[in-house]
């Protein structure tokens, strides 16, 4: 079995966020054997009480990022983690993965942060 190398490189894509909003990876690099489960995790902080958390996958510069999933959350809870689970890692999972934080109450701009997934 091949190893699947998962790396995260994070940068601020949208300046002008609400003061205190942030999203960061728990780990910058994950390496896993093909066929094994993989979890990508982002920690987030926001001053908004209602937020939407999004995941996108970007396979190549020739295509637009693909929406994967979203979930709603209450930022006043202790849970400020956002995870994406890949049940069985494959070379075809190689892509840039973006975790995004979207405050929905005030209509503020979004934070968008990528996880990069590349095979060894």
PDB file of N, CA and C in Angstrom:
ATOM      1  N   UNK A   1       0.830  -1.185   0.000  1.00  0.00           N
ATOM      2  CA  UNK A   1       0.000   0.000   0.000  1.00  0.00           C
ATOM      3  C   UNK A   1       0.874   1.247   0.000  1.00  0.00           C
ATOM      4  N   UNK A   2       0.432   2.266  -0.712  1.00  0.00           N
ATOM      5  CA  UNK A   2       1.142   3.538  -0.760  1.00  0.00           C
ATOM      6  C   UNK A   2       0.747   4.408   0.426  1.00  0.00           C
ATOM      7  N   UNK A   3       1.666   5.310   0.777  1.00  0.00           N
ATOM      8  CA  UNK A   3       1.333   6.318   1.779  1.00  0.00           C
ATOM      9  C   UNK A   3       0.687   7.505   1.083  1.00  0.00           C
ATOM     10  N   UNK A   4      -0.282   8.095   1.734  1.00  0.00           N
ATOM     11  CA  UNK A   4      -0.911   9.314   1.257  1.00  0.00           C
ATOM     12  C   UNK A   4      -0.444  10.421   2.181  1.00  0.00           C
ATOM     13  N   UNK A   5       0.174  11.437   1.619  1.00  0.00           N
ATOM     14  CA  UNK A   5       0.736  12.544   2.394  1.00  0.00           C
ATOM     15  C   UNK A   5      -0.260  13.691   2.417  1.00  0.00           C
ATOM     16  N   UNK A   6      -0.685  14.082   3.615  1.00  0.00           N
ATOM     17  CA  UNK A   6      -1.635  15.178   3.765  1.00  0.00           C
ATOM     18  C   UNK A   6      -0.921  16.347   4.399  1.00  0.00           C
ATOM     19  N   UNK A   7      -0.895  17.477   3.723  1.00  0.00           N
ATOM     20  CA  UNK A   7      -0.245  18.670   4.260  1.00  0.00           C
ATOM     21  C   UNK A   7      -1.251  19.810   4.289  1.00  0.00           C
ATOM     22  N   UNK A   8      -1.076  20.704   5.235  1.00  0.00           N
ATOM     23  CA  UNK A   8      -1.937  21.881   5.316  1.00  0.00           C
ATOM     24  C   UNK A   8      -1.085  23.125   5.239  1.00  0.00           C
ATOM     25  N   UNK A   9      -1.451  24.024   4.353  1.00  0.00           N
ATOM     26  CA  UNK A   9      -0.801  25.331   4.345  1.00  0.00           C
ATOM     27  C   UNK A   9      -1.917  26.349   4.474  1.00  0.00           C
ATOM     28  N   UNK A  10      -1.826  27.195   5.479  1.00  0.00           N
ATOM     29  CA  UNK A  10      -2.923  28.083   5.820  1.00  0.00           C
ATOM     30  C   UNK A  10      -2.542  29.531   5.600  1.00  0.00           C
ATOM     31  N   UNK A  11      -3.438  30.286   5.002  1.00  0.00           N
ATOM     32  CA  UNK A  11      -3.225  31.710   4.802  1.00  0.00           C
ATOM     33  C   UNK A  11      -4.578  32.402   4.806  1.00  0.00           C
ATOM     34  N   UNK A  12      -4.570  33.689   5.040  1.00  0.00           N
ATOM     35  CA  UNK A  12      -5.801  34.468   5.069  1.00  0.00           C
ATOM     36  C   UNK A  12      -6.163  34.865   3.646  1.00  0.00           C
ATOM     37  N   UNK A  13      -7.302  34.414   3.179  1.00  0.00           N
ATOM     38  CA  UNK A  13      -7.712  34.704   1.814  1.00  0.00           C
ATOM     39  C   UNK A  13      -8.562  35.967   1.727  1.00  0.00           C
ATOM     40  N   UNK A  14      -9.383  36.209   2.733  1.00  0.00           N
ATOM     41  CA  UNK A  14     -10.258  37.371   2.728  1.00  0.00           C
ATOM     42  C   UNK A  14      -9.896  38.314   3.858  1.00  0.00           C
ATOM     43  N   UNK A  15      -9.200  39.430   3.581  1.00  0.00           N
ATOM     44  CA  UNK A  15      -8.944  40.398   4.644  1.00  0.00           C
ATOM     45  C   UNK A  15     -10.245  41.087   5.044  1.00  0.00           C
ATOM     46  N   UNK A  16     -10.234  41.765   6.165  1.00  0.00           N
ATOM     47  CA  UNK A  16     -11.414  42.487   6.615  1.00  0.00           C
ATOM     48  C   UNK A  16     -12.379  41.639   7.405  1.00  0.00           C
ATOM     49  N   UNK A  17     -11.882  40.633   8.107  1.00  0.00           N
ATOM     50  CA  UNK A  17     -12.727  39.773   8.918  1.00  0.00           C
ATOM     51  C   UNK A  17     -13.183  40.487  10.171  1.00  0.00           C
ATOM     52  N   UNK A  18     -14.204  39.944  10.796  1.00  0.00           N
ATOM     53  CA  UNK A  18     -14.627  40.447  12.091  1.00  0.00           C
ATOM     54  C   UNK A  18     -13.471  40.281  13.065  1.00  0.00           C
ATOM     55  N   UNK A  19     -13.237  41.289  13.908  1.00  0.00           N
ATOM     56  CA  UNK A  19     -12.138  41.224  14.875  1.00  0.00           C
ATOM     57  C   UNK A  19     -12.262  39.954  15.703  1.00  0.00           C
ATOM     58  N   UNK A  20     -11.181  39.204  15.806  1.00  0.00           N
ATOM     59  CA  UNK A  20     -11.165  37.988  16.603  1.00  0.00           C
ATOM     60  C   UNK A  20     -11.487  36.723  15.835  1.00  0.00           C
ATOM     61  N   UNK A  21     -11.965  36.812  14.590  1.00  0.00           N
ATOM     62  CA  UNK A  21     -12.242  35.608  13.808  1.00  0.00           C
ATOM     63  C   UNK A  21     -10.941  34.988  13.325  1.00  0.00           C
ATOM     64  N   UNK A  22     -10.829  33.669  13.472  1.00  0.00           N
ATOM     65  CA  UNK A  22      -9.639  32.978  12.972  1.00  0.00           C
ATOM     66  C   UNK A  22      -9.974  31.515  12.732  1.00  0.00           C
ATOM     67  N   UNK A  23      -9.167  30.876  11.894  1.00  0.00           N
ATOM     68  CA  UNK A  23      -9.294  29.447  11.645  1.00  0.00           C
ATOM     69  C   UNK A  23      -7.899  28.912  11.347  1.00  0.00           C
ATOM     70  N   UNK A  24      -7.496  27.847  12.043  1.00  0.00           N
ATOM     71  CA  UNK A  24      -6.137  27.309  11.920  1.00  0.00           C
ATOM     72  C   UNK A  24      -6.169  25.780  11.979  1.00  0.00           C
ATOM     73  N   UNK A  25      -5.185  25.113  11.364  1.00  0.00           N
ATOM     74  CA  UNK A  25      -5.141  23.651  11.405  1.00  0.00           C
ATOM     75  C   UNK A  25      -4.604  23.162  12.745  1.00  0.00           C
ATOM     76  N   UNK A  26      -5.013  21.958  13.140  1.00  0.00           N
ATOM     77  CA  UNK A  26      -4.405  21.349  14.324  1.00  0.00           C
ATOM     78  C   UNK A  26      -3.033  20.790  13.976  1.00  0.00           C
ATOM     79  N   UNK A  27      -2.888  20.252  12.764  1.00  0.00           N
ATOM     80  CA  UNK A  27      -1.599  19.716  12.309  1.00  0.00           C
ATOM     81  C   UNK A  27      -1.337  20.217  10.901  1.00  0.00           C
ATOM     82  N   UNK A  28      -0.061  20.533  10.617  1.00  0.00           N
ATOM     83  CA  UNK A  28       0.298  21.019   9.284  1.00  0.00           C
ATOM     84  C   UNK A  28       0.504  19.895   8.282  1.00  0.00           C
ATOM     85  N   UNK A  29       0.824  18.691   8.758  1.00  0.00           N
ATOM     86  CA  UNK A  29       1.120  17.589   7.848  1.00  0.00           C
ATOM     87  C   UNK A  29       0.615  16.282   8.441  1.00  0.00           C
ATOM     88  N   UNK A  30      -0.051  15.491   7.607  1.00  0.00           N
ATOM     89  CA  UNK A  30      -0.546  14.177   8.014  1.00  0.00           C
ATOM     90  C   UNK A  30      -0.116  13.183   6.950  1.00  0.00           C
ATOM     91  N   UNK A  31       0.503  12.091   7.358  1.00  0.00           N
ATOM     92  CA  UNK A  31       0.860  11.019   6.426  1.00  0.00           C
ATOM     93  C   UNK A  31       0.136   9.760   6.873  1.00  0.00           C
ATOM     94  N   UNK A  32      -0.568   9.120   5.944  1.00  0.00           N
ATOM     95  CA  UNK A  32      -1.336   7.931   6.288  1.00  0.00           C
ATOM     96  C   UNK A  32      -1.215   6.911   5.171  1.00  0.00           C
ATOM     97  N   UNK A  33      -1.314   5.633   5.515  1.00  0.00           N
ATOM     98  CA  UNK A  33      -1.274   4.550   4.541  1.00  0.00           C
ATOM     99  C   UNK A  33      -2.584   4.523   3.762  1.00  0.00           C
ATOM    100  N   UNK A  34      -2.474   4.270   2.469  1.00  0.00           N
ATOM    101  CA  UNK A  34      -3.657   4.171   1.627  1.00  0.00           C
ATOM    102  C   UNK A  34      -4.621   3.148   2.221  1.00  0.00           C
ATOM    103  N   UNK A  35      -5.896   3.490   2.254  1.00  0.00           N
ATOM    104  CA  UNK A  35      -6.910   2.608   2.811  1.00  0.00           C
ATOM    105  C   UNK A  35      -7.244   2.889   4.266  1.00  0.00           C
ATOM    106  N   UNK A  36      -6.414   3.676   4.933  1.00  0.00           N
ATOM    107  CA  UNK A  36      -6.648   4.011   6.341  1.00  0.00           C
ATOM    108  C   UNK A  36      -7.485   5.290   6.451  1.00  0.00           C
ATOM    109  N   UNK A  37      -8.192   5.462   7.566  1.00  0.00           N
ATOM    110  CA  UNK A  37      -8.962   6.697   7.753  1.00  0.00           C
ATOM    111  C   UNK A  37      -8.059   7.891   8.027  1.00  0.00           C
ATOM    112  N   UNK A  38      -8.500   9.066   7.594  1.00  0.00           N
ATOM    113  CA  UNK A  38      -7.766  10.315   7.807  1.00  0.00           C
ATOM    114  C   UNK A  38      -8.763  11.361   8.299  1.00  0.00           C
ATOM    115  N   UNK A  39      -8.358  12.149   9.280  1.00  0.00           N
ATOM    116  CA  UNK A  39      -9.185  13.253   9.766  1.00  0.00           C
ATOM    117  C   UNK A  39      -8.409  14.553   9.639  1.00  0.00           C
ATOM    118  N   UNK A  40      -8.963  15.519   8.920  1.00  0.00           N
ATOM    119  CA  UNK A  40      -8.407  16.866   8.831  1.00  0.00           C
ATOM    120  C   UNK A  40      -9.197  17.736   9.799  1.00  0.00           C
ATOM    121  N   UNK A  41      -8.498  18.522  10.615  1.00  0.00           N
ATOM    122  CA  UNK A  41      -9.161  19.306  11.661  1.00  0.00           C
ATOM    123  C   UNK A  41      -8.715  20.757  11.632  1.00  0.00           C
ATOM    124  N   UNK A  42      -9.673  21.661  11.735  1.00  0.00           N
ATOM    125  CA  UNK A  42      -9.401  23.093  11.881  1.00  0.00           C
ATOM    126  C   UNK A  42      -9.986  23.566  13.205  1.00  0.00           C
ATOM    127  N   UNK A  43      -9.223  24.384  13.918  1.00  0.00           N
ATOM    128  CA  UNK A  43      -9.732  25.088  15.099  1.00  0.00           C
ATOM    129  C   UNK A  43     -10.241  26.441  14.628  1.00  0.00           C
ATOM    130  N   UNK A  44     -11.379  26.882  15.148  1.00  0.00           N
ATOM    131  CA  UNK A  44     -11.877  28.201  14.760  1.00  0.00           C
ATOM    132  C   UNK A  44     -12.289  29.003  15.986  1.00  0.00           C
ATOM    133  N   UNK A  45     -12.216  30.308  15.836  1.00  0.00           N
ATOM    134  CA  UNK A  45     -12.671  31.260  16.849  1.00  0.00           C
ATOM    135  C   UNK A  45     -13.459  32.338  16.118  1.00  0.00           C
ATOM    136  N   UNK A  46     -14.588  32.727  16.680  1.00  0.00           N
ATOM    137  CA  UNK A  46     -15.377  33.802  16.095  1.00  0.00           C
ATOM    138  C   UNK A  46     -16.170  34.505  17.189  1.00  0.00           C
ATOM    139  N   UNK A  47     -16.457  35.755  16.973  1.00  0.00           N
ATOM    140  CA  UNK A  47     -17.263  36.510  17.926  1.00  0.00           C
ATOM    141  C   UNK A  47     -18.756  36.375  17.622  1.00  0.00           C
ATOM    142  N   UNK A  48     -19.106  35.796  16.476  1.00  0.00           N
ATOM    143  CA  UNK A  48     -20.504  35.601  16.112  1.00  0.00           C
ATOM    144  C   UNK A  48     -21.082  34.393  16.843  1.00  0.00           C
ATOM    145  N   UNK A  49     -22.380  34.457  17.151  1.00  0.00           N
ATOM    146  CA  UNK A  49     -23.009  33.354  17.880  1.00  0.00           C
ATOM    147  C   UNK A  49     -23.467  32.228  16.955  1.00  0.00           C
ATOM    148  N   UNK A  50     -23.818  32.526  15.721  1.00  0.00           N
ATOM    149  CA  UNK A  50     -24.216  31.507  14.749  1.00  0.00           C
ATOM    150  C   UNK A  50     -23.229  31.523  13.596  1.00  0.00           C
ATOM    151  N   UNK A  51     -22.670  30.378  13.302  1.00  0.00           N
ATOM    152  CA  UNK A  51     -21.692  30.293  12.217  1.00  0.00           C
ATOM    153  C   UNK A  51     -21.988  29.079  11.349  1.00  0.00           C
ATOM    154  N   UNK A  52     -21.499  29.131  10.127  1.00  0.00           N
ATOM    155  CA  UNK A  52     -21.538  27.984   9.223  1.00  0.00           C
ATOM    156  C   UNK A  52     -20.103  27.605   8.917  1.00  0.00           C
ATOM    157  N   UNK A  53     -19.829  26.313   8.971  1.00  0.00           N
ATOM    158  CA  UNK A  53     -18.499  25.775   8.711  1.00  0.00           C
ATOM    159  C   UNK A  53     -18.557  24.979   7.412  1.00  0.00           C
ATOM    160  N   UNK A  54     -17.619  25.237   6.511  1.00  0.00           N
ATOM    161  CA  UNK A  54     -17.637  24.644   5.174  1.00  0.00           C
ATOM    162  C   UNK A  54     -16.335  23.904   4.883  1.00  0.00           C
ATOM    163  N   UNK A  55     -16.410  22.850   4.063  1.00  0.00           N
ATOM    164  CA  UNK A  55     -15.234  22.182   3.500  1.00  0.00           C
ATOM    165  C   UNK A  55     -15.362  22.191   1.982  1.00  0.00           C
ATOM    166  N   UNK A  56     -14.243  22.478   1.317  1.00  0.00           N
ATOM    167  CA  UNK A  56     -14.149  22.441  -0.146  1.00  0.00           C
ATOM    168  C   UNK A  56     -12.921  21.631  -0.533  1.00  0.00           C
ATOM    169  N   UNK A  57     -12.969  21.037  -1.728  1.00  0.00           N
ATOM    170  CA  UNK A  57     -11.825  20.291  -2.269  1.00  0.00           C
ATOM    171  C   UNK A  57     -11.501  20.881  -3.637  1.00  0.00           C
ATOM    172  N   UNK A  58     -10.211  21.107  -3.890  1.00  0.00           N
ATOM    173  CA  UNK A  58      -9.757  21.689  -5.154  1.00  0.00           C
ATOM    174  C   UNK A  58      -8.731  20.742  -5.768  1.00  0.00           C
ATOM    175  N   UNK A  59      -9.126  20.044  -6.847  1.00  0.00           N
ATOM    176  CA  UNK A  59      -8.250  19.049  -7.469  1.00  0.00           C
ATOM    177  C   UNK A  59      -7.176  19.651  -8.363  1.00  0.00           C
ATOM    178  N   UNK A  60      -7.488  20.711  -9.089  1.00  0.00           N
ATOM    179  CA  UNK A  60      -6.486  21.298  -9.980  1.00  0.00           C
ATOM    180  C   UNK A  60      -6.835  22.749 -10.268  1.00  0.00           C
ATOM    181  N   UNK A  61      -5.859  23.463 -10.806  1.00  0.00           N
ATOM    182  CA  UNK A  61      -6.087  24.858 -11.170  1.00  0.00           C
ATOM    183  C   UNK A  61      -7.036  24.992 -12.359  1.00  0.00           C
ATOM    184  N   UNK A  62      -7.328  23.888 -13.029  1.00  0.00           N
ATOM    185  CA  UNK A  62      -8.204  23.921 -14.191  1.00  0.00           C
ATOM    186  C   UNK A  62      -9.674  23.837 -13.806  1.00  0.00           C
ATOM    187  N   UNK A  63      -9.954  23.585 -12.519  1.00  0.00           N
ATOM    188  CA  UNK A  63     -11.328  23.452 -12.050  1.00  0.00           C
ATOM    189  C   UNK A  63     -11.561  24.367 -10.855  1.00  0.00           C
ATOM    190  N   UNK A  64     -12.806  24.704 -10.637  1.00  0.00           N
ATOM    191  CA  UNK A  64     -13.172  25.469  -9.439  1.00  0.00           C
ATOM    192  C   UNK A  64     -13.176  24.532  -8.233  1.00  0.00           C
ATOM    193  N   UNK A  65     -12.969  25.067  -7.027  1.00  0.00           N
ATOM    194  CA  UNK A  65     -13.081  24.223  -5.831  1.00  0.00           C
ATOM    195  C   UNK A  65     -14.470  23.585  -5.754  1.00  0.00           C
ATOM    196  N   UNK A  66     -14.509  22.359  -5.253  1.00  0.00           N
ATOM    197  CA  UNK A  66     -15.751  21.596  -5.142  1.00  0.00           C
ATOM    198  C   UNK A  66     -16.245  21.645  -3.696  1.00  0.00           C
ATOM    199  N   UNK A  67     -17.498  22.033  -3.510  1.00  0.00           N
ATOM    200  CA  UNK A  67     -18.104  22.037  -2.185  1.00  0.00           C
ATOM    201  C   UNK A  67     -18.256  20.602  -1.702  1.00  0.00           C
ATOM    202  N   UNK A  68     -17.851  20.325  -0.452  1.00  0.00           N
ATOM    203  CA  UNK A  68     -17.981  18.977   0.107  1.00  0.00           C
ATOM    204  C   UNK A  68     -19.106  18.920   1.131  1.00  0.00           C
ATOM    205  N   UNK A  69     -19.042  19.774   2.172  1.00  0.00           N
ATOM    206  CA  UNK A  69     -20.071  19.747   3.203  1.00  0.00           C
ATOM    207  C   UNK A  69     -20.058  21.024   4.017  1.00  0.00           C
ATOM    208  N   UNK A  70     -21.128  21.233   4.773  1.00  0.00           N
ATOM    209  CA  UNK A  70     -21.179  22.341   5.724  1.00  0.00           C
ATOM    210  C   UNK A  70     -21.967  21.899   6.942  1.00  0.00           C
ATOM    211  N   UNK A  71     -21.760  22.600   8.039  1.00  0.00           N
ATOM    212  CA  UNK A  71     -22.582  22.370   9.219  1.00  0.00           C
ATOM    213  C   UNK A  71     -22.695  23.669   9.991  1.00  0.00           C
ATOM    214  N   UNK A  72     -23.776  23.821  10.717  1.00  0.00           N
ATOM    215  CA  UNK A  72     -23.976  24.994  11.554  1.00  0.00           C
ATOM    216  C   UNK A  72     -23.412  24.736  12.936  1.00  0.00           C
ATOM    217  N   UNK A  73     -23.060  25.806  13.632  1.00  0.00           N
ATOM    218  CA  UNK A  73     -22.501  25.672  14.979  1.00  0.00           C
ATOM    219  C   UNK A  73     -22.822  26.911  15.788  1.00  0.00           C
ATOM    220  N   UNK A  74     -22.818  26.749  17.071  1.00  0.00           N
ATOM    221  CA  UNK A  74     -22.948  27.865  18.006  1.00  0.00           C
ATOM    222  C   UNK A  74     -21.567  28.121  18.580  1.00  0.00           C
ATOM    223  N   UNK A  75     -21.014  29.300  18.336  1.00  0.00           N
ATOM    224  CA  UNK A  75     -19.639  29.578  18.764  1.00  0.00           C
ATOM    225  C   UNK A  75     -19.515  29.736  20.272  1.00  0.00           C
ATOM    226  N   UNK A  76     -20.626  29.879  20.978  1.00  0.00           N
ATOM    227  CA  UNK A  76     -20.547  30.030  22.424  1.00  0.00           C
ATOM    228  C   UNK A  76     -20.328  28.691  23.123  1.00  0.00           C
ATOM    229  N   UNK A  77     -20.368  27.600  22.396  1.00  0.00           N
ATOM    230  CA  UNK A  77     -20.094  26.292  22.987  1.00  0.00           C
ATOM    231  C   UNK A  77     -18.588  26.099  23.110  1.00  0.00           C
ATOM    232  N   UNK A  78     -18.186  25.058  23.824  1.00  0.00           N
ATOM    233  CA  UNK A  78     -16.765  24.745  23.978  1.00  0.00           C
ATOM    234  C   UNK A  78     -16.195  24.109  22.717  1.00  0.00           C
ATOM    235  N   UNK A  79     -17.055  23.662  21.823  1.00  0.00           N
ATOM    236  CA  UNK A  79     -16.597  22.977  20.619  1.00  0.00           C
ATOM    237  C   UNK A  79     -16.285  23.998  19.539  1.00  0.00           C
ATOM    238  N   UNK A  80     -15.024  24.194  19.268  1.00  0.00           N
ATOM    239  CA  UNK A  80     -14.601  25.120  18.217  1.00  0.00           C
ATOM    240  C   UNK A  80     -13.684  24.391  17.249  1.00  0.00           C
ATOM    241  N   UNK A  81     -14.042  23.141  16.944  1.00  0.00           N
ATOM    242  CA  UNK A  81     -13.295  22.316  15.999  1.00  0.00           C
ATOM    243  C   UNK A  81     -14.175  22.003  14.804  1.00  0.00           C
ATOM    244  N   UNK A  82     -13.546  21.907  13.652  1.00  0.00           N
ATOM    245  CA  UNK A  82     -14.231  21.508  12.441  1.00  0.00           C
ATOM    246  C   UNK A  82     -13.421  20.375  11.835  1.00  0.00           C
ATOM    247  N   UNK A  83     -14.039  19.217  11.605  1.00  0.00           N
ATOM    248  CA  UNK A  83     -13.303  18.072  11.082  1.00  0.00           C
ATOM    249  C   UNK A  83     -13.875  17.608   9.748  1.00  0.00           C
ATOM    250  N   UNK A  84     -12.995  17.034   8.952  1.00  0.00           N
ATOM    251  CA  UNK A  84     -13.370  16.341   7.728  1.00  0.00           C
ATOM    252  C   UNK A  84     -12.751  14.959   7.826  1.00  0.00           C
ATOM    253  N   UNK A  85     -13.576  13.920   7.748  1.00  0.00           N
ATOM    254  CA  UNK A  85     -13.081  12.554   7.856  1.00  0.00           C
ATOM    255  C   UNK A  85     -13.118  11.881   6.497  1.00  0.00           C
ATOM    256  N   UNK A  86     -11.983  11.307   6.122  1.00  0.00           N
ATOM    257  CA  UNK A  86     -11.873  10.495   4.912  1.00  0.00           C
ATOM    258  C   UNK A  86     -11.777   9.065   5.412  1.00  0.00           C
ATOM    259  N   UNK A  87     -12.779   8.241   5.123  1.00  0.00           N
ATOM    260  CA  UNK A  87     -12.856   6.910   5.727  1.00  0.00           C
ATOM    261  C   UNK A  87     -11.774   5.961   5.230  1.00  0.00           C
ATOM    262  N   UNK A  88     -11.329   6.129   3.997  1.00  0.00           N
ATOM    263  CA  UNK A  88     -10.306   5.254   3.431  1.00  0.00           C
ATOM    264  C   UNK A  88      -9.460   6.082   2.454  1.00  0.00           C
ATOM    265  N   UNK A  89      -8.297   6.537   2.907  1.00  0.00           N
ATOM    266  CA  UNK A  89      -7.449   7.422   2.100  1.00  0.00           C
ATOM    267  C   UNK A  89      -7.024   6.744   0.800  1.00  0.00           C
ATOM    268  N   UNK A  90      -7.078   7.507  -0.289  1.00  0.00           N
ATOM    269  CA  UNK A  90      -6.665   7.017  -1.604  1.00  0.00           C
ATOM    270  C   UNK A  90      -5.895   8.125  -2.309  1.00  0.00           C
ATOM    271  N   UNK A  91      -5.091   7.727  -3.279  1.00  0.00           N
ATOM    272  CA  UNK A  91      -4.337   8.709  -4.053  1.00  0.00           C
ATOM    273  C   UNK A  91      -5.298   9.690  -4.725  1.00  0.00           C
ATOM    274  N   UNK A  92      -6.488   9.232  -5.083  1.00  0.00           N
ATOM    275  CA  UNK A  92      -7.478  10.114  -5.713  1.00  0.00           C
ATOM    276  C   UNK A  92      -8.004  11.185  -4.757  1.00  0.00           C
ATOM    277  N   UNK A  93      -7.705  11.061  -3.468  1.00  0.00           N
ATOM    278  CA  UNK A  93      -8.065  12.111  -2.511  1.00  0.00           C
ATOM    279  C   UNK A  93      -7.075  13.268  -2.549  1.00  0.00           C
ATOM    280  N   UNK A  94      -6.023  13.143  -3.343  1.00  0.00           N
ATOM    281  CA  UNK A  94      -5.024  14.205  -3.446  1.00  0.00           C
ATOM    282  C   UNK A  94      -5.669  15.469  -3.997  1.00  0.00           C
ATOM    283  N   UNK A  95      -5.607  16.549  -3.220  1.00  0.00           N
ATOM    284  CA  UNK A  95      -6.239  17.816  -3.584  1.00  0.00           C
ATOM    285  C   UNK A  95      -5.880  18.843  -2.532  1.00  0.00           C
ATOM    286  N   UNK A  96      -6.283  20.076  -2.770  1.00  0.00           N
ATOM    287  CA  UNK A  96      -6.213  21.103  -1.737  1.00  0.00           C
ATOM    288  C   UNK A  96      -7.577  21.106  -1.055  1.00  0.00           C
ATOM    289  N   UNK A  97      -7.592  20.942   0.257  1.00  0.00           N
ATOM    290  CA  UNK A  97      -8.827  20.962   1.037  1.00  0.00           C
ATOM    291  C   UNK A  97      -8.918  22.280   1.788  1.00  0.00           C
ATOM    292  N   UNK A  98     -10.062  22.954   1.651  1.00  0.00           N
ATOM    293  CA  UNK A  98     -10.275  24.237   2.311  1.00  0.00           C
ATOM    294  C   UNK A  98     -11.298  24.085   3.426  1.00  0.00           C
ATOM    295  N   UNK A  99     -10.951  24.554   4.607  1.00  0.00           N
ATOM    296  CA  UNK A  99     -11.959  24.698   5.658  1.00  0.00           C
ATOM    297  C   UNK A  99     -12.264  26.180   5.764  1.00  0.00           C
ATOM    298  N   UNK A 100     -13.542  26.510   5.862  1.00  0.00           N
ATOM    299  CA  UNK A 100     -13.954  27.911   5.851  1.00  0.00           C
ATOM    300  C   UNK A 100     -14.937  28.185   6.976  1.00  0.00           C
ATOM    301  N   UNK A 101     -14.822  29.355   7.550  1.00  0.00           N
ATOM    302  CA  UNK A 101     -15.705  29.832   8.607  1.00  0.00           C
ATOM    303  C   UNK A 101     -16.534  30.973   8.038  1.00  0.00           C
ATOM    304  N   UNK A 102     -17.849  30.851   8.085  1.00  0.00           N
ATOM    305  CA  UNK A 102     -18.727  31.896   7.549  1.00  0.00           C
ATOM    306  C   UNK A 102     -19.689  32.368   8.633  1.00  0.00           C
ATOM    307  N   UNK A 103     -19.487  33.550   9.181  1.00  0.00           N
ATOM    308  CA  UNK A 103     -20.515  34.111  10.066  1.00  0.00           C
ATOM    309  C   UNK A 103     -21.752  34.427   9.230  1.00  0.00           C
ATOM    310  N   UNK A 104     -22.912  33.973   9.654  1.00  0.00           N
ATOM    311  CA  UNK A 104     -24.119  34.159   8.846  1.00  0.00           C
ATOM    312  C   UNK A 104     -25.040  35.245   9.376  1.00  0.00           C
ATOM    313  N   UNK A 105     -24.895  35.638  10.622  1.00  0.00           N
ATOM    314  CA  UNK A 105     -25.820  36.617  11.194  1.00  0.00           C
ATOM    315  C   UNK A 105     -25.538  38.014  10.671  1.00  0.00           C
ATOM    316  N   UNK A 106     -24.269  38.410  10.616  1.00  0.00           N
ATOM    317  CA  UNK A 106     -23.914  39.773  10.224  1.00  0.00           C
ATOM    318  C   UNK A 106     -23.550  39.896   8.751  1.00  0.00           C
ATOM    319  N   UNK A 107     -23.411  38.779   8.039  1.00  0.00           N
ATOM    320  CA  UNK A 107     -23.037  38.836   6.643  1.00  0.00           C
ATOM    321  C   UNK A 107     -21.589  39.241   6.427  1.00  0.00           C
ATOM    322  N   UNK A 108     -20.735  39.007   7.398  1.00  0.00           N
ATOM    323  CA  UNK A 108     -19.319  39.363   7.275  1.00  0.00           C
ATOM    324  C   UNK A 108     -18.635  38.523   6.205  1.00  0.00           C
ATOM    325  N   UNK A 109     -17.478  38.988   5.757  1.00  0.00           N
ATOM    326  CA  UNK A 109     -16.700  38.209   4.803  1.00  0.00           C
ATOM    327  C   UNK A 109     -16.236  36.924   5.466  1.00  0.00           C
ATOM    328  N   UNK A 110     -15.698  36.016   4.677  1.00  0.00           N
ATOM    329  CA  UNK A 110     -15.367  34.679   5.158  1.00  0.00           C
ATOM    330  C   UNK A 110     -13.867  34.489   5.325  1.00  0.00           C
ATOM    331  N   UNK A 111     -13.523  33.565   6.206  1.00  0.00           N
ATOM    332  CA  UNK A 111     -12.149  33.103   6.327  1.00  0.00           C
ATOM    333  C   UNK A 111     -12.061  31.805   5.540  1.00  0.00           C
ATOM    334  N   UNK A 112     -11.051  31.647   4.705  1.00  0.00           N
ATOM    335  CA  UNK A 112     -10.900  30.437   3.913  1.00  0.00           C
ATOM    336  C   UNK A 112      -9.478  29.946   4.055  1.00  0.00           C
ATOM    337  N   UNK A 113      -9.316  28.707   4.508  1.00  0.00           N
ATOM    338  CA  UNK A 113      -8.000  28.146   4.792  1.00  0.00           C
ATOM    339  C   UNK A 113      -7.870  26.786   4.114  1.00  0.00           C
ATOM    340  N   UNK A 114      -6.757  26.497   3.417  1.00  0.00           N
ATOM    341  CA  UNK A 114      -6.644  25.224   2.705  1.00  0.00           C
ATOM    342  C   UNK A 114      -5.887  24.149   3.475  1.00  0.00           C
ATOM    343  N   UNK A 115      -6.289  22.896   3.283  1.00  0.00           N
ATOM    344  CA  UNK A 115      -5.513  21.709   3.637  1.00  0.00           C
ATOM    345  C   UNK A 115      -5.028  21.161   2.295  1.00  0.00           C
ATOM    346  N   UNK A 116      -3.763  20.891   2.126  1.00  0.00           N
ATOM    347  CA  UNK A 116      -3.246  20.342   0.883  1.00  0.00           C
ATOM    348  C   UNK A 116      -3.046  18.844   1.051  1.00  0.00           C
ATOM    349  N   UNK A 117      -3.561  18.050   0.128  1.00  0.00           N
ATOM    350  CA  UNK A 117      -3.434  16.606   0.188  1.00  0.00           C
ATOM    351  C   UNK A 117      -2.651  16.157  -1.034  1.00  0.00           C
ATOM    352  N   UNK A 118      -1.472  15.550  -0.826  1.00  0.00           N
ATOM    353  CA  UNK A 118      -0.630  15.102  -1.932  1.00  0.00           C
ATOM    354  C   UNK A 118      -0.089  13.710  -1.636  1.00  0.00           C
ATOM    355  N   UNK A 119       0.024  12.832  -2.652  1.00  0.00           N
ATOM    356  CA  UNK A 119       0.629  11.520  -2.428  1.00  0.00           C
ATOM    357  C   UNK A 119       2.143  11.651  -2.305  1.00  0.00           C
ATOM    358  N   UNK A 120       2.773  10.703  -1.622  1.00  0.00           N
ATOM    359  CA  UNK A 120       4.242  10.698  -1.527  1.00  0.00           C
ATOM    360  C   UNK A 120       4.867  10.344  -2.855  1.00  0.00           C
TER     361      UNK A 120
END
